[in-house]
Amino acid sequence: MDWWIWLIIALAVFVVIPLFVMLFIVPIPVFDAILARKSKDKWSRSGPSDSKNEEMLRMWDIALDFQATYHKNEEDVHLLTKDGLNLYGQYYDFGGDKAVIIMPGRP
């Protein structure tokens, strides 16, 4: 066989196949294990994820105080995107001309 045929075979074995595996096969179980929300317990809003971290607990308490203080200004928001995603969130109306709606995307 010519040398260039061996070069093409070597490139396929050592470059293309590992690249295909790392780009298309490995991300599927990684995404499924880390990012896919299969139960309501994963990324729930029941409390801070790290209850031993004092800074996180302080931020959680500040958020609860904010919600209790401005609960009268809160409105639940539901948007349906063009892709068919249901996005839920809260809108706090402070009477301004401009507003930002933060949509975390989970009920």
Protein backbone atom coordinates (compact mmCIF):
# COMPACT_ATOMS: atom_id res chain seq x y z
CA MET A 1 0.00 0.00 0.00
CA ASP A 2 1.05 3.56 -0.55
CA TRP A 3 2.13 5.70 2.38
CA TRP A 4 -0.75 8.16 1.97
CA ILE A 5 -3.32 5.40 2.47
CA TRP A 6 -1.66 4.51 5.78
CA LEU A 7 -1.70 8.21 6.68
CA ILE A 8 -5.44 8.45 6.04
CA ILE A 9 -6.08 5.29 8.08
CA ALA A 10 -3.92 6.61 10.93
CA LEU A 11 -5.74 9.97 10.90
CA ALA A 12 -9.08 8.19 11.00
CA VAL A 13 -8.05 5.97 13.89
CA PHE A 14 -6.18 8.51 16.01
CA VAL A 15 -8.02 11.76 15.22
CA VAL A 16 -11.47 11.34 13.71
CA ILE A 17 -12.76 8.44 15.81
CA PRO A 18 -11.67 9.88 19.22
CA LEU A 19 -12.99 13.28 18.15
CA PHE A 20 -16.34 11.73 17.25
CA VAL A 21 -16.48 9.88 20.58
CA MET A 22 -15.59 12.97 22.65
CA LEU A 23 -17.98 15.27 20.79
CA PHE A 24 -21.02 13.07 20.34
CA ILE A 25 -20.94 10.03 22.60
CA VAL A 26 -19.42 11.27 25.89
CA PRO A 27 -21.60 14.43 26.30
CA ILE A 28 -24.86 12.47 26.34
CA PRO A 29 -24.30 10.63 29.66
CA VAL A 30 -22.53 13.66 31.14
CA PHE A 31 -25.52 15.88 30.34
CA ASP A 32 -27.91 13.24 31.62
CA ALA A 33 -26.03 12.84 34.92
CA ILE A 34 -25.33 16.51 35.64
CA LEU A 35 -27.82 18.79 33.90
CA ALA A 36 -30.99 16.79 33.32
CA ARG A 37 -33.62 17.48 35.99
CA LYS A 38 -35.34 14.13 36.50
CA SER A 39 -37.03 14.90 39.81
CA LYS A 40 -38.34 17.97 41.58
CA ASP A 41 -35.71 17.46 44.30
CA LYS A 42 -32.89 18.34 41.91
CA TRP A 43 -32.46 22.14 41.83
CA SER A 44 -35.51 22.64 44.03
CA ARG A 45 -36.39 25.90 45.71
CA SER A 46 -36.82 24.33 49.15
CA GLY A 47 -33.62 25.84 50.53
CA PRO A 48 -29.99 26.59 49.79
CA SER A 49 -28.12 23.72 48.17
CA ASP A 50 -25.20 24.04 50.61
CA SER A 51 -26.67 24.56 54.06
CA LYS A 52 -23.21 24.67 55.68
CA ASN A 53 -22.07 27.69 53.66
CA GLU A 54 -22.73 30.82 55.74
CA GLU A 55 -22.66 33.16 52.74
CA MET A 56 -25.24 31.06 50.90
CA LEU A 57 -27.46 30.95 53.99
CA ARG A 58 -27.20 34.74 54.32
CA MET A 59 -28.18 35.21 50.65
CA TRP A 60 -31.11 32.82 51.16
CA ASP A 61 -32.30 34.79 54.20
CA ILE A 62 -31.97 38.10 52.32
CA ALA A 63 -34.05 36.68 49.46
CA LEU A 64 -36.75 35.48 51.87
CA ASP A 65 -36.82 38.92 53.54
CA PHE A 66 -37.14 40.60 50.12
CA GLN A 67 -40.00 38.32 49.16
CA ALA A 68 -41.80 38.95 52.46
CA THR A 69 -41.32 42.72 52.21
CA TYR A 70 -42.41 43.13 48.58
CA HIS A 71 -44.96 40.32 48.35
CA LYS A 72 -47.73 42.82 47.60
CA ASN A 73 -45.86 43.91 44.43
CA GLU A 74 -45.34 40.35 43.18
CA GLU A 75 -47.16 38.90 40.19
CA ASP A 76 -46.71 35.39 38.84
CA VAL A 77 -45.68 35.36 35.17
CA HIS A 78 -46.07 32.57 32.63
CA LEU A 79 -44.64 32.79 29.11
CA LEU A 80 -44.94 30.28 26.30
CA THR A 81 -41.97 30.56 23.93
CA LYS A 82 -41.97 29.94 20.19
CA ASP A 83 -40.27 26.61 20.92
CA GLY A 84 -43.16 25.54 23.15
CA LEU A 85 -41.32 25.98 26.45
CA ASN A 86 -43.35 27.00 29.48
CA LEU A 87 -41.44 29.61 31.48
CA TYR A 88 -42.62 30.59 34.94
CA GLY A 89 -41.39 33.39 37.18
CA GLN A 90 -42.28 36.36 39.33
CA TYR A 91 -42.60 40.00 38.34
CA TYR A 92 -42.21 42.71 40.97
CA ASP A 93 -44.04 45.88 39.94
CA PHE A 94 -42.41 48.91 41.56
CA GLY A 95 -44.15 51.43 39.29
CA GLY A 96 -41.15 52.15 37.05
CA ASP A 97 -41.09 52.75 33.30
CA LYS A 98 -38.78 49.79 32.63
CA ALA A 99 -38.71 46.32 34.10
CA VAL A 100 -36.70 43.14 33.96
CA ILE A 101 -38.44 39.79 34.09
CA ILE A 102 -36.18 36.98 35.29
CA MET A 103 -37.44 33.64 34.04
CA PRO A 104 -35.60 30.65 35.52
CA GLY A 105 -37.69 28.28 33.43
CA ARG A 106 -38.97 25.88 36.07
CA PRO A 107 -42.32 25.74 37.87
